Amino acid sequence: MAQPTLHDVAARAGVSIKTVSNVLRGVEGRVSARTAARVHQAIEEIDYRPNLSARRLRTGRSQVIALAVPDLGNPYFAEVATAMIGAARKAGYTLLIEETGGDAGAELGAAEHLRDPLIEGVIMSPVDLGGEALAQRTRSMPIVLLGESQPDATGDHVAVDHVAIDNAAASRALTGHLLDQGIRRIAVIGRQDHAPHATATALQRLKGYREALTQRGLPFDEELAPAVPGTHYSKEAGARAAAEILTRGERPEALYCFADVLAIGALRAAHDQGLHAPHDFALAGFDGIDEGRFTIPTLTTIRPDYADMAQQAVSALTERMSTEDPIPPRELRCGWELVVRESTQAAPPSN
C-alpha cells in the first residue's frame, strides 16, 4: 500500500497543500487554530509521515537543525532542550537532540554531523571543544554556541555566535542578595581550576562573586571556594563539596552553588550532618531548574530566560543558514532574574 502523501492530507482536511505545509512547519500566524487542528486530525487518521529526503530534493533544504548538550540527565539541559524545541518549531524547523557527554571528540562530531546530511545547523553547549578544533571541521556548517565564550578559546579561528546570560552580573546580584541578609562568610561550590579544566561560565560566576565581595569591602577567602574537580556539575559533586565545607573549621553562613544541582546535593549532605537551610545556613543555586520549586526549603536561584535564550539561538542560527555573506562572531545576551525563595529568607545573622 502506498504511503500517504501531502495531497492525501490536504484532501482529507479539505484545505490546500500550502496550508498543510504551513502546519507541518509550525509557521505561526498563517493558519487558524481550528484549521490546524483539522490538519493534525487528518494526519493522524491517515498516518501521514513527512518525507524529509523528498523535501530536501525538492527545496534543497531539510528544515532540520540539531542541539548538542553534554548531559540530558542534568535538569538544566533538559530545560534548555524543551525551550529549543519550541523555538525551532516556531521557526519552522525540526530539532534533533544529541548528548555528547562533554567529550571533545563527540562534540566535534556533533559540530560536523558528517553522518547526517539532513542537519543544516547546530546549536551546542560545549565543554571541551575549543576554537582550534572548530576551525578544523571538515564540514563547516553554521553553528551557535550556548554559554560564555572562553578567553583565548575561539579568537579569530572561527565565526560563531555565543548566546548566554551575563553570568558575572547575575552572580553579583545573587551574592549581593546574600550580603543584604547580613551574611559575610559565603562559601561557593562550583569553582573550577583555570582552563582547560574550567568553563568560561564557572569563571564568570566566580568573578561576579568576588566583585560583589569587593564592592562591600570584603576580602576573597580561597578557603571558602574549594575547586570542584572536573567540568561537570552534579548533585554528587555538590554533596561532596558541601560535606567538606561544613565539617572543617568555622562553618560558613551561606553556601552559594554555581548550579542548582550542586545546591540540591548540598542539601542532602547538610541533612546527613543534622544541618538544615535556612536555619543553620543560607543556600542559593543557579539555573532556575523547576526542581528547585519543590525542594525543602524551596531554592533561591538565578533563572535564565530559557525562552529568550532559545529564540536568540535559533534566530542567530537560521540567519547564518540563510546567507552566504560572512557574519562576524556575536555575543548575544538573554534575560535572567533573581528568584528569592525559602532557602535564603531566614538566614542567620552575622557572628
C-alpha atoms as a PDB file:
ATOM      1  CA  MET A   1       0.000   0.000   0.000  1.00  0.00           C
ATOM      2  CA  ALA A   2       1.383   3.414  -0.986  1.00  0.00           C
ATOM      3  CA  GLN A   3       2.425   5.802   1.764  1.00  0.00           C
ATOM      4  CA  PRO A   4       0.024   8.733   2.338  1.00  0.00           C
ATOM      5  CA  THR A   5       1.153  11.966   0.723  1.00  0.00           C
ATOM      6  CA  LEU A   6       0.756  15.666   1.390  1.00  0.00           C
ATOM      7  CA  HIS A   7      -2.020  15.668  -1.217  1.00  0.00           C
ATOM      8  CA  ASP A   8      -3.878  13.000   0.775  1.00  0.00           C
ATOM      9  CA  VAL A   9      -3.685  15.073   3.953  1.00  0.00           C
ATOM     10  CA  ALA A  10      -4.929  18.172   2.136  1.00  0.00           C
ATOM     11  CA  ALA A  11      -7.832  16.265   0.582  1.00  0.00           C
ATOM     12  CA  ARG A  12      -8.789  14.697   3.914  1.00  0.00           C
ATOM     13  CA  ALA A  13      -8.709  18.032   5.759  1.00  0.00           C
ATOM     14  CA  GLY A  14     -10.335  19.985   2.927  1.00  0.00           C
ATOM     15  CA  VAL A  15      -7.509  22.515   2.708  1.00  0.00           C
ATOM     16  CA  SER A  16      -4.734  23.425   0.282  1.00  0.00           C
ATOM     17  CA  ILE A  17      -1.354  21.711   0.169  1.00  0.00           C
ATOM     18  CA  LYS A  18       0.216  25.051   1.170  1.00  0.00           C
ATOM     19  CA  THR A  19      -1.906  25.108   4.321  1.00  0.00           C
ATOM     20  CA  VAL A  20      -0.780  21.594   5.234  1.00  0.00           C
ATOM     21  CA  SER A  21       2.830  22.633   4.636  1.00  0.00           C
ATOM     22  CA  ASN A  22       2.452  25.653   6.924  1.00  0.00           C
ATOM     23  CA  VAL A  23       1.005  23.478   9.689  1.00  0.00           C
ATOM     24  CA  LEU A  24       3.801  20.925   9.385  1.00  0.00           C
ATOM     25  CA  ARG A  25       6.432  23.663   9.509  1.00  0.00           C
ATOM     26  CA  GLY A  26       4.798  25.224  12.559  1.00  0.00           C
ATOM     27  CA  VAL A  27       4.609  28.637  10.914  1.00  0.00           C
ATOM     28  CA  GLU A  28       2.509  30.821  13.184  1.00  0.00           C
ATOM     29  CA  GLY A  29       0.016  33.414  12.025  1.00  0.00           C
ATOM     30  CA  ARG A  30      -0.758  31.787   8.674  1.00  0.00           C
ATOM     31  CA  VAL A  31      -3.216  29.118   9.796  1.00  0.00           C
ATOM     32  CA  SER A  32      -6.097  29.403  12.245  1.00  0.00           C
ATOM     33  CA  ALA A  33      -6.119  27.127  15.277  1.00  0.00           C
ATOM     34  CA  ARG A  34      -9.279  25.450  14.004  1.00  0.00           C
ATOM     35  CA  THR A  35      -7.767  24.713  10.592  1.00  0.00           C
ATOM     36  CA  ALA A  36      -4.516  23.492  12.145  1.00  0.00           C
ATOM     37  CA  ALA A  37      -6.479  21.112  14.359  1.00  0.00           C
ATOM     38  CA  ARG A  38      -8.301  19.761  11.298  1.00  0.00           C
ATOM     39  CA  VAL A  39      -4.976  19.175   9.515  1.00  0.00           C
ATOM     40  CA  HIS A  40      -3.490  17.392  12.539  1.00  0.00           C
ATOM     41  CA  GLN A  41      -6.574  15.214  12.766  1.00  0.00           C
ATOM     42  CA  ALA A  42      -6.223  14.261   9.097  1.00  0.00           C
ATOM     43  CA  ILE A  43      -2.542  13.447   9.629  1.00  0.00           C
ATOM     44  CA  GLU A  44      -3.454  11.104  12.475  1.00  0.00           C
ATOM     45  CA  GLU A  45      -6.315   9.467  10.605  1.00  0.00           C
ATOM     46  CA  ILE A  46      -4.266   8.529   7.532  1.00  0.00           C
ATOM     47  CA  ASP A  47      -0.975   8.063   9.452  1.00  0.00           C
ATOM     48  CA  TYR A  48       0.972  10.517   7.295  1.00  0.00           C
ATOM     49  CA  ARG A  49       4.738  10.806   7.895  1.00  0.00           C
ATOM     50  CA  PRO A  50       6.722  13.658   6.276  1.00  0.00           C
ATOM     51  CA  ASN A  51       9.438  12.542   3.862  1.00  0.00           C
ATOM     52  CA  LEU A  52      12.440  14.696   4.787  1.00  0.00           C
ATOM     53  CA  SER A  53      14.580  13.316   1.968  1.00  0.00           C
ATOM     54  CA  ALA A  54      11.953  14.257  -0.600  1.00  0.00           C
ATOM     55  CA  ARG A  55      11.656  17.712   0.906  1.00  0.00           C
ATOM     56  CA  ARG A  56      15.397  18.199   0.630  1.00  0.00           C
ATOM     57  CA  LEU A  57      15.427  17.111  -3.017  1.00  0.00           C
ATOM     58  CA  ARG A  58      12.547  19.464  -3.797  1.00  0.00           C
ATOM     59  CA  THR A  59      13.722  22.577  -1.944  1.00  0.00           C
ATOM     60  CA  GLY A  60      17.382  21.977  -1.224  1.00  0.00           C
ATOM     61  CA  ARG A  61      16.548  22.385   2.475  1.00  0.00           C
ATOM     62  CA  SER A  62      15.663  19.793   5.111  1.00  0.00           C
ATOM     63  CA  GLN A  63      14.461  22.255   7.784  1.00  0.00           C
ATOM     64  CA  VAL A  64      16.324  20.139  10.349  1.00  0.00           C
ATOM     65  CA  ILE A  65      18.731  21.531  12.955  1.00  0.00           C
ATOM     66  CA  ALA A  66      20.444  19.897  15.927  1.00  0.00           C
ATOM     67  CA  LEU A  67      21.015  20.678  19.588  1.00  0.00           C
ATOM     68  CA  ALA A  68      24.065  19.078  21.228  1.00  0.00           C
ATOM     69  CA  VAL A  69      24.349  19.153  25.026  1.00  0.00           C
ATOM     70  CA  PRO A  70      26.703  17.327  27.396  1.00  0.00           C
ATOM     71  CA  ASP A  71      24.200  15.737  29.781  1.00  0.00           C
ATOM     72  CA  LEU A  72      20.444  15.357  29.359  1.00  0.00           C
ATOM     73  CA  GLY A  73      20.320  13.893  32.877  1.00  0.00           C
ATOM     74  CA  ASN A  74      21.093  17.392  34.174  1.00  0.00           C
ATOM     75  CA  PRO A  75      17.735  19.199  34.537  1.00  0.00           C
ATOM     76  CA  TYR A  76      19.287  22.431  33.254  1.00  0.00           C
ATOM     77  CA  PHE A  77      19.949  20.913  29.845  1.00  0.00           C
ATOM     78  CA  ALA A  78      16.503  19.335  29.815  1.00  0.00           C
ATOM     79  CA  GLU A  79      15.010  22.810  30.285  1.00  0.00           C
ATOM     80  CA  VAL A  80      17.247  24.181  27.542  1.00  0.00           C
ATOM     81  CA  ALA A  81      16.166  21.379  25.195  1.00  0.00           C
ATOM     82  CA  THR A  82      12.471  21.993  25.871  1.00  0.00           C
ATOM     83  CA  ALA A  83      12.830  25.696  25.094  1.00  0.00           C
ATOM     84  CA  MET A  84      14.868  24.998  21.946  1.00  0.00           C
ATOM     85  CA  ILE A  85      12.278  22.549  20.614  1.00  0.00           C
ATOM     86  CA  GLY A  86       9.603  25.230  20.943  1.00  0.00           C
ATOM     87  CA  ALA A  87      11.710  27.950  19.330  1.00  0.00           C
ATOM     88  CA  ALA A  88      12.723  25.679  16.458  1.00  0.00           C
ATOM     89  CA  ARG A  89       9.118  24.654  15.837  1.00  0.00           C
ATOM     90  CA  LYS A  90       8.002  28.293  15.726  1.00  0.00           C
ATOM     91  CA  ALA A  91      10.710  28.979  13.154  1.00  0.00           C
ATOM     92  CA  GLY A  92       9.542  26.035  11.046  1.00  0.00           C
ATOM     93  CA  TYR A  93      12.378  23.643  11.899  1.00  0.00           C
ATOM     94  CA  THR A  94      12.625  20.145  13.308  1.00  0.00           C
ATOM     95  CA  LEU A  95      15.134  19.881  16.152  1.00  0.00           C
ATOM     96  CA  LEU A  96      17.214  16.754  16.759  1.00  0.00           C
ATOM     97  CA  ILE A  97      18.930  16.368  20.146  1.00  0.00           C
ATOM     98  CA  GLU A  98      22.292  14.743  20.775  1.00  0.00           C
ATOM     99  CA  GLU A  99      24.110  14.056  24.051  1.00  0.00           C
ATOM    100  CA  THR A 100      27.896  14.441  23.878  1.00  0.00           C
ATOM    101  CA  GLY A 101      28.943  13.565  27.418  1.00  0.00           C
ATOM    102  CA  GLY A 102      31.187  16.634  27.305  1.00  0.00           C
ATOM    103  CA  ASP A 103      33.759  14.679  25.283  1.00  0.00           C
ATOM    104  CA  ALA A 104      35.745  16.802  22.832  1.00  0.00           C
ATOM    105  CA  GLY A 105      35.604  14.158  20.103  1.00  0.00           C
ATOM    106  CA  ALA A 106      31.857  13.724  20.458  1.00  0.00           C
ATOM    107  CA  GLU A 107      31.400  17.486  20.459  1.00  0.00           C
ATOM    108  CA  LEU A 108      33.438  17.845  17.269  1.00  0.00           C
ATOM    109  CA  GLY A 109      31.376  15.072  15.685  1.00  0.00           C
ATOM    110  CA  ALA A 110      28.182  16.895  16.623  1.00  0.00           C
ATOM    111  CA  ALA A 111      29.599  20.133  15.188  1.00  0.00           C
ATOM    112  CA  GLU A 112      30.277  18.400  11.854  1.00  0.00           C
ATOM    113  CA  HIS A 113      27.392  15.905  11.635  1.00  0.00           C
ATOM    114  CA  LEU A 114      29.133  14.139   8.756  1.00  0.00           C
ATOM    115  CA  ARG A 115      26.906  11.103   9.144  1.00  0.00           C
ATOM    116  CA  ASP A 116      23.664  13.049   8.962  1.00  0.00           C
ATOM    117  CA  PRO A 117      23.496  15.243   5.846  1.00  0.00           C
ATOM    118  CA  LEU A 118      19.994  16.392   6.795  1.00  0.00           C
ATOM    119  CA  ILE A 119      21.386  18.595   9.579  1.00  0.00           C
ATOM    120  CA  GLU A 120      21.642  22.201   8.349  1.00  0.00           C
ATOM    121  CA  GLY A 121      22.961  23.834  11.508  1.00  0.00           C
ATOM    122  CA  VAL A 122      23.909  23.113  15.113  1.00  0.00           C
ATOM    123  CA  ILE A 123      23.269  24.753  18.473  1.00  0.00           C
ATOM    124  CA  MET A 124      25.748  23.416  21.005  1.00  0.00           C
ATOM    125  CA  SER A 125      26.636  23.725  24.675  1.00  0.00           C
ATOM    126  CA  PRO A 126      30.326  22.709  24.580  1.00  0.00           C
ATOM    127  CA  VAL A 127      32.516  21.619  27.466  1.00  0.00           C
ATOM    128  CA  ASP A 128      35.878  20.718  25.913  1.00  0.00           C
ATOM    129  CA  LEU A 129      35.514  21.864  22.305  1.00  0.00           C
ATOM    130  CA  GLY A 130      37.575  24.971  21.568  1.00  0.00           C
ATOM    131  CA  GLY A 131      38.020  27.307  18.656  1.00  0.00           C
ATOM    132  CA  GLU A 132      41.042  25.492  17.244  1.00  0.00           C
ATOM    133  CA  ALA A 133      39.038  22.268  16.908  1.00  0.00           C
ATOM    134  CA  LEU A 134      36.048  24.105  15.427  1.00  0.00           C
ATOM    135  CA  ALA A 135      38.296  25.662  12.812  1.00  0.00           C
ATOM    136  CA  GLN A 136      39.448  22.187  11.733  1.00  0.00           C
ATOM    137  CA  ARG A 137      35.967  20.867  10.943  1.00  0.00           C
ATOM    138  CA  THR A 138      35.783  19.091   7.604  1.00  0.00           C
ATOM    139  CA  ARG A 139      32.144  20.105   7.219  1.00  0.00           C
ATOM    140  CA  SER A 140      31.786  23.757   8.091  1.00  0.00           C
ATOM    141  CA  MET A 141      28.103  24.172   8.871  1.00  0.00           C
ATOM    142  CA  PRO A 142      26.537  27.126  10.716  1.00  0.00           C
ATOM    143  CA  ILE A 143      26.905  26.798  14.483  1.00  0.00           C
ATOM    144  CA  VAL A 144      25.772  28.730  17.563  1.00  0.00           C
ATOM    145  CA  LEU A 145      27.284  28.061  20.989  1.00  0.00           C
ATOM    146  CA  LEU A 146      25.469  28.354  24.316  1.00  0.00           C
ATOM    147  CA  GLY A 147      27.401  29.855  27.205  1.00  0.00           C
ATOM    148  CA  GLU A 148      30.107  32.439  27.640  1.00  0.00           C
ATOM    149  CA  SER A 149      32.996  32.425  25.180  1.00  0.00           C
ATOM    150  CA  GLN A 150      36.183  31.045  26.686  1.00  0.00           C
ATOM    151  CA  PRO A 151      39.009  33.611  26.753  1.00  0.00           C
ATOM    152  CA  ASP A 152      41.523  32.782  24.008  1.00  0.00           C
ATOM    153  CA  ALA A 153      39.464  29.674  23.108  1.00  0.00           C
ATOM    154  CA  THR A 154      37.931  30.816  19.847  1.00  0.00           C
ATOM    155  CA  GLY A 155      39.701  34.049  18.932  1.00  0.00           C
ATOM    156  CA  ASP A 156      39.552  34.626  15.202  1.00  0.00           C
ATOM    157  CA  HIS A 157      39.683  30.940  14.305  1.00  0.00           C
ATOM    158  CA  VAL A 158      36.009  30.536  13.500  1.00  0.00           C
ATOM    159  CA  ALA A 159      32.951  32.790  13.264  1.00  0.00           C
ATOM    160  CA  VAL A 160      30.396  31.549  15.769  1.00  0.00           C
ATOM    161  CA  ASP A 161      27.821  33.212  17.968  1.00  0.00           C
ATOM    162  CA  HIS A 162      27.619  32.766  21.744  1.00  0.00           C
ATOM    163  CA  VAL A 163      24.247  33.054  23.480  1.00  0.00           C
ATOM    164  CA  ALA A 164      24.349  33.409  27.263  1.00  0.00           C
ATOM    165  CA  ILE A 165      23.151  35.387  30.216  1.00  0.00           C
ATOM    166  CA  ASP A 166      25.579  37.849  31.785  1.00  0.00           C
ATOM    167  CA  ASN A 167      26.878  35.334  34.315  1.00  0.00           C
ATOM    168  CA  ALA A 168      29.101  37.804  36.134  1.00  0.00           C
ATOM    169  CA  ALA A 169      26.257  40.298  36.628  1.00  0.00           C
ATOM    170  CA  ALA A 170      23.850  37.579  37.737  1.00  0.00           C
ATOM    171  CA  SER A 171      26.416  36.201  40.181  1.00  0.00           C
ATOM    172  CA  ARG A 172      26.990  39.689  41.616  1.00  0.00           C
ATOM    173  CA  ALA A 173      23.260  40.061  42.147  1.00  0.00           C
ATOM    174  CA  LEU A 174      22.915  36.724  43.912  1.00  0.00           C
ATOM    175  CA  THR A 175      25.947  37.337  46.127  1.00  0.00           C
ATOM    176  CA  GLY A 176      24.612  40.825  46.869  1.00  0.00           C
ATOM    177  CA  HIS A 177      21.298  39.311  47.947  1.00  0.00           C
ATOM    178  CA  LEU A 178      23.109  37.113  50.471  1.00  0.00           C
ATOM    179  CA  LEU A 179      25.174  40.060  51.721  1.00  0.00           C
ATOM    180  CA  ASP A 180      21.968  42.078  52.143  1.00  0.00           C
ATOM    181  CA  GLN A 181      20.827  39.438  54.648  1.00  0.00           C
ATOM    182  CA  GLY A 182      23.777  40.376  56.877  1.00  0.00           C
ATOM    183  CA  ILE A 183      25.784  37.351  55.788  1.00  0.00           C
ATOM    184  CA  ARG A 184      29.528  37.755  55.428  1.00  0.00           C
ATOM    185  CA  ARG A 185      31.031  34.239  55.274  1.00  0.00           C
ATOM    186  CA  ILE A 186      29.739  32.952  51.940  1.00  0.00           C
ATOM    187  CA  ALA A 187      31.232  29.714  50.655  1.00  0.00           C
ATOM    188  CA  VAL A 188      30.931  28.892  46.970  1.00  0.00           C
ATOM    189  CA  ILE A 189      30.570  25.463  45.418  1.00  0.00           C
ATOM    190  CA  GLY A 190      31.416  25.253  41.730  1.00  0.00           C
ATOM    191  CA  ARG A 191      34.753  26.971  41.390  1.00  0.00           C
ATOM    192  CA  GLN A 192      36.828  25.280  38.700  1.00  0.00           C
ATOM    193  CA  ASP A 193      40.566  25.462  38.091  1.00  0.00           C
ATOM    194  CA  HIS A 194      41.825  27.560  35.223  1.00  0.00           C
ATOM    195  CA  ALA A 195      41.373  26.488  31.587  1.00  0.00           C
ATOM    196  CA  PRO A 196      41.331  23.934  30.124  1.00  0.00           C
ATOM    197  CA  HIS A 197      39.704  22.465  33.232  1.00  0.00           C
ATOM    198  CA  ALA A 198      37.404  25.415  33.854  1.00  0.00           C
ATOM    199  CA  THR A 199      34.432  26.507  31.816  1.00  0.00           C
ATOM    200  CA  ALA A 200      34.003  30.182  30.997  1.00  0.00           C
ATOM    201  CA  THR A 201      30.652  30.070  32.810  1.00  0.00           C
ATOM    202  CA  ALA A 202      32.282  28.953  36.077  1.00  0.00           C
ATOM    203  CA  LEU A 203      34.958  31.630  35.736  1.00  0.00           C
ATOM    204  CA  GLN A 204      32.349  34.341  35.184  1.00  0.00           C
ATOM    205  CA  ARG A 205      30.244  33.244  38.162  1.00  0.00           C
ATOM    206  CA  LEU A 206      33.316  33.277  40.396  1.00  0.00           C
ATOM    207  CA  LYS A 207      34.218  36.709  39.001  1.00  0.00           C
ATOM    208  CA  GLY A 208      30.788  38.080  39.901  1.00  0.00           C
ATOM    209  CA  TYR A 209      31.004  36.608  43.412  1.00  0.00           C
ATOM    210  CA  ARG A 210      34.392  38.206  44.008  1.00  0.00           C
ATOM    211  CA  GLU A 211      33.234  41.569  42.603  1.00  0.00           C
ATOM    212  CA  ALA A 212      30.269  41.626  44.976  1.00  0.00           C
ATOM    213  CA  LEU A 213      32.591  40.994  47.937  1.00  0.00           C
ATOM    214  CA  THR A 214      34.939  43.756  46.793  1.00  0.00           C
ATOM    215  CA  GLN A 215      32.044  46.209  46.463  1.00  0.00           C
ATOM    216  CA  ARG A 216      31.241  45.613  50.161  1.00  0.00           C
ATOM    217  CA  GLY A 217      34.873  45.864  51.241  1.00  0.00           C
ATOM    218  CA  LEU A 218      35.168  42.142  51.970  1.00  0.00           C
ATOM    219  CA  PRO A 219      38.204  40.008  51.096  1.00  0.00           C
ATOM    220  CA  PHE A 220      38.081  36.896  48.949  1.00  0.00           C
ATOM    221  CA  ASP A 221      38.897  33.822  51.052  1.00  0.00           C
ATOM    222  CA  GLU A 222      40.048  30.936  48.862  1.00  0.00           C
ATOM    223  CA  GLU A 223      39.280  28.563  51.740  1.00  0.00           C
ATOM    224  CA  LEU A 224      35.610  29.337  51.151  1.00  0.00           C
ATOM    225  CA  ALA A 225      35.885  28.500  47.443  1.00  0.00           C
ATOM    226  CA  PRO A 226      37.329  24.997  47.061  1.00  0.00           C
ATOM    227  CA  ALA A 227      37.691  23.786  43.482  1.00  0.00           C
ATOM    228  CA  VAL A 228      35.208  21.203  42.209  1.00  0.00           C
ATOM    229  CA  PRO A 229      37.039  18.515  40.197  1.00  0.00           C
ATOM    230  CA  GLY A 230      36.160  18.144  36.513  1.00  0.00           C
ATOM    231  CA  THR A 231      33.860  20.255  34.396  1.00  0.00           C
ATOM    232  CA  HIS A 232      30.527  18.518  35.101  1.00  0.00           C
ATOM    233  CA  TYR A 233      28.257  19.837  37.821  1.00  0.00           C
ATOM    234  CA  SER A 234      26.150  17.198  39.538  1.00  0.00           C
ATOM    235  CA  LYS A 235      24.264  16.507  42.767  1.00  0.00           C
ATOM    236  CA  GLU A 236      27.014  14.127  43.813  1.00  0.00           C
ATOM    237  CA  ALA A 237      29.678  16.801  43.307  1.00  0.00           C
ATOM    238  CA  GLY A 238      27.599  19.260  45.342  1.00  0.00           C
ATOM    239  CA  ALA A 239      27.155  16.771  48.169  1.00  0.00           C
ATOM    240  CA  ARG A 240      30.889  16.016  48.321  1.00  0.00           C
ATOM    241  CA  ALA A 241      31.890  19.674  48.332  1.00  0.00           C
ATOM    242  CA  ALA A 242      29.279  20.637  50.943  1.00  0.00           C
ATOM    243  CA  ALA A 243      30.288  17.761  53.230  1.00  0.00           C
ATOM    244  CA  GLU A 244      33.877  19.030  53.134  1.00  0.00           C
ATOM    245  CA  ILE A 245      32.999  22.675  53.681  1.00  0.00           C
ATOM    246  CA  LEU A 246      30.526  22.077  56.512  1.00  0.00           C
ATOM    247  CA  THR A 247      32.876  19.906  58.547  1.00  0.00           C
ATOM    248  CA  ARG A 248      36.060  21.947  58.528  1.00  0.00           C
ATOM    249  CA  GLY A 249      36.791  24.940  60.702  1.00  0.00           C
ATOM    250  CA  GLU A 250      34.240  27.686  61.151  1.00  0.00           C
ATOM    251  CA  ARG A 251      31.019  26.874  59.360  1.00  0.00           C
ATOM    252  CA  PRO A 252      30.065  29.378  56.629  1.00  0.00           C
ATOM    253  CA  GLU A 253      26.844  31.327  56.970  1.00  0.00           C
ATOM    254  CA  ALA A 254      25.836  30.592  53.397  1.00  0.00           C
ATOM    255  CA  LEU A 255      26.542  28.209  50.546  1.00  0.00           C
ATOM    256  CA  TYR A 256      26.320  29.702  47.072  1.00  0.00           C
ATOM    257  CA  CYS A 257      26.297  26.921  44.472  1.00  0.00           C
ATOM    258  CA  PHE A 258      27.085  27.662  40.831  1.00  0.00           C
ATOM    259  CA  ALA A 259      24.309  25.284  39.719  1.00  0.00           C
ATOM    260  CA  ASP A 260      21.027  24.159  41.245  1.00  0.00           C
ATOM    261  CA  VAL A 261      22.082  20.509  41.002  1.00  0.00           C
ATOM    262  CA  LEU A 262      25.062  21.345  43.223  1.00  0.00           C
ATOM    263  CA  ALA A 263      22.717  23.013  45.719  1.00  0.00           C
ATOM    264  CA  ILE A 264      20.396  20.016  45.809  1.00  0.00           C
ATOM    265  CA  GLY A 265      23.373  17.772  46.537  1.00  0.00           C
ATOM    266  CA  ALA A 266      24.484  20.206  49.253  1.00  0.00           C
ATOM    267  CA  LEU A 267      21.062  19.955  50.888  1.00  0.00           C
ATOM    268  CA  ARG A 268      21.495  16.202  51.202  1.00  0.00           C
ATOM    269  CA  ALA A 269      24.997  16.485  52.676  1.00  0.00           C
ATOM    270  CA  ALA A 270      23.798  19.037  55.221  1.00  0.00           C
ATOM    271  CA  HIS A 271      20.865  16.833  56.191  1.00  0.00           C
ATOM    272  CA  ASP A 272      23.254  13.949  56.849  1.00  0.00           C
ATOM    273  CA  GLN A 273      25.067  16.194  59.350  1.00  0.00           C
ATOM    274  CA  GLY A 274      21.858  17.361  61.032  1.00  0.00           C
ATOM    275  CA  LEU A 275      22.022  20.797  59.409  1.00  0.00           C
ATOM    276  CA  HIS A 276      19.156  22.449  57.577  1.00  0.00           C
ATOM    277  CA  ALA A 277      18.760  25.537  55.404  1.00  0.00           C
ATOM    278  CA  PRO A 278      17.882  28.268  56.068  1.00  0.00           C
ATOM    279  CA  HIS A 279      18.028  27.757  59.878  1.00  0.00           C
ATOM    280  CA  ASP A 280      21.710  26.703  60.018  1.00  0.00           C
ATOM    281  CA  PHE A 281      22.943  28.322  56.800  1.00  0.00           C
ATOM    282  CA  ALA A 282      21.534  30.120  53.780  1.00  0.00           C
ATOM    283  CA  LEU A 283      21.616  28.285  50.465  1.00  0.00           C
ATOM    284  CA  ALA A 284      21.436  29.567  46.891  1.00  0.00           C
ATOM    285  CA  GLY A 285      21.772  27.933  43.492  1.00  0.00           C
ATOM    286  CA  PHE A 286      21.926  28.959  39.849  1.00  0.00           C
ATOM    287  CA  ASP A 287      19.983  27.916  36.704  1.00  0.00           C
ATOM    288  CA  GLY A 288      16.385  28.110  37.931  1.00  0.00           C
ATOM    289  CA  ILE A 289      15.511  24.468  37.249  1.00  0.00           C
ATOM    290  CA  ASP A 290      11.938  23.501  38.072  1.00  0.00           C
ATOM    291  CA  GLU A 291      13.067  21.011  40.722  1.00  0.00           C
ATOM    292  CA  GLY A 292      14.144  23.942  42.903  1.00  0.00           C
ATOM    293  CA  ARG A 293      10.491  24.897  43.427  1.00  0.00           C
ATOM    294  CA  PHE A 294       9.879  21.583  45.202  1.00  0.00           C
ATOM    295  CA  THR A 295      12.961  21.113  47.385  1.00  0.00           C
ATOM    296  CA  ILE A 296      12.672  21.633  51.143  1.00  0.00           C
ATOM    297  CA  PRO A 297      13.308  24.500  51.504  1.00  0.00           C
ATOM    298  CA  THR A 298      12.498  25.901  48.078  1.00  0.00           C
ATOM    299  CA  LEU A 299      15.669  27.138  46.411  1.00  0.00           C
ATOM    300  CA  THR A 300      16.755  30.725  45.825  1.00  0.00           C
ATOM    301  CA  THR A 301      18.355  30.849  42.393  1.00  0.00           C
ATOM    302  CA  ILE A 302      19.165  32.764  39.225  1.00  0.00           C
ATOM    303  CA  ARG A 303      16.745  31.726  36.500  1.00  0.00           C
ATOM    304  CA  PRO A 304      17.756  32.373  32.886  1.00  0.00           C
ATOM    305  CA  ASP A 305      15.017  33.322  30.455  1.00  0.00           C
ATOM    306  CA  TYR A 306      15.076  29.998  28.622  1.00  0.00           C
ATOM    307  CA  ALA A 307      12.571  31.137  26.003  1.00  0.00           C
ATOM    308  CA  ASP A 308      14.679  34.209  25.213  1.00  0.00           C
ATOM    309  CA  MET A 309      17.833  32.081  25.074  1.00  0.00           C
ATOM    310  CA  ALA A 310      16.224  29.636  22.659  1.00  0.00           C
ATOM    311  CA  GLN A 311      14.716  32.325  20.445  1.00  0.00           C
ATOM    312  CA  GLN A 312      18.030  34.160  20.120  1.00  0.00           C
ATOM    313  CA  ALA A 313      19.971  30.963  19.430  1.00  0.00           C
ATOM    314  CA  VAL A 314      17.552  29.714  16.776  1.00  0.00           C
ATOM    315  CA  SER A 315      17.307  33.157  15.152  1.00  0.00           C
ATOM    316  CA  ALA A 316      21.092  33.527  15.032  1.00  0.00           C
ATOM    317  CA  LEU A 317      21.477  30.049  13.573  1.00  0.00           C
ATOM    318  CA  THR A 318      18.801  30.471  10.902  1.00  0.00           C
ATOM    319  CA  GLU A 319      20.323  33.815   9.927  1.00  0.00           C
ATOM    320  CA  ARG A 320      23.682  32.112   9.387  1.00  0.00           C
ATOM    321  CA  MET A 321      21.996  29.285   7.482  1.00  0.00           C
ATOM    322  CA  SER A 322      20.149  31.618   5.130  1.00  0.00           C
ATOM    323  CA  THR A 323      23.052  33.755   3.935  1.00  0.00           C
ATOM    324  CA  GLU A 324      26.378  33.155   2.254  1.00  0.00           C
ATOM    325  CA  ASP A 325      27.692  36.512   3.404  1.00  0.00           C
ATOM    326  CA  PRO A 326      30.207  36.335   6.275  1.00  0.00           C
ATOM    327  CA  ILE A 327      28.765  37.223   9.671  1.00  0.00           C
ATOM    328  CA  PRO A 328      31.292  38.179  12.365  1.00  0.00           C
ATOM    329  CA  PRO A 329      31.169  36.454  15.767  1.00  0.00           C
ATOM    330  CA  ARG A 330      28.464  37.823  18.058  1.00  0.00           C
ATOM    331  CA  GLU A 331      27.986  37.798  21.840  1.00  0.00           C
ATOM    332  CA  LEU A 332      24.222  37.659  22.418  1.00  0.00           C
ATOM    333  CA  ARG A 333      22.759  38.246  25.878  1.00  0.00           C
ATOM    334  CA  CYS A 334      19.488  36.778  27.111  1.00  0.00           C
ATOM    335  CA  GLY A 335      17.490  37.778  30.174  1.00  0.00           C
ATOM    336  CA  TRP A 336      17.625  36.406  33.716  1.00  0.00           C
ATOM    337  CA  GLU A 337      16.045  37.036  37.096  1.00  0.00           C
ATOM    338  CA  LEU A 338      16.942  36.561  40.749  1.00  0.00           C
ATOM    339  CA  VAL A 339      14.283  34.292  42.277  1.00  0.00           C
ATOM    340  CA  VAL A 340      14.261  34.583  46.084  1.00  0.00           C
ATOM    341  CA  ARG A 341      12.743  31.599  47.872  1.00  0.00           C
ATOM    342  CA  GLU A 342      12.769  29.981  51.310  1.00  0.00           C
ATOM    343  CA  SER A 343      16.398  28.855  51.343  1.00  0.00           C
ATOM    344  CA  THR A 344      17.695  32.407  51.954  1.00  0.00           C
ATOM    345  CA  GLN A 345      14.739  34.122  53.603  1.00  0.00           C
ATOM    346  CA  ALA A 346      15.621  33.287  57.206  1.00  0.00           C
ATOM    347  CA  ALA A 347      19.374  33.468  57.068  1.00  0.00           C
ATOM    348  CA  PRO A 348      21.205  33.672  60.427  1.00  0.00           C
ATOM    349  CA  PRO A 349      22.715  36.996  61.464  1.00  0.00           C
ATOM    350  CA  SER A 350      26.431  37.600  61.118  1.00  0.00           C
ATOM    351  CA  ASN A 351      28.566  36.494  64.113  1.00  0.00           C
END
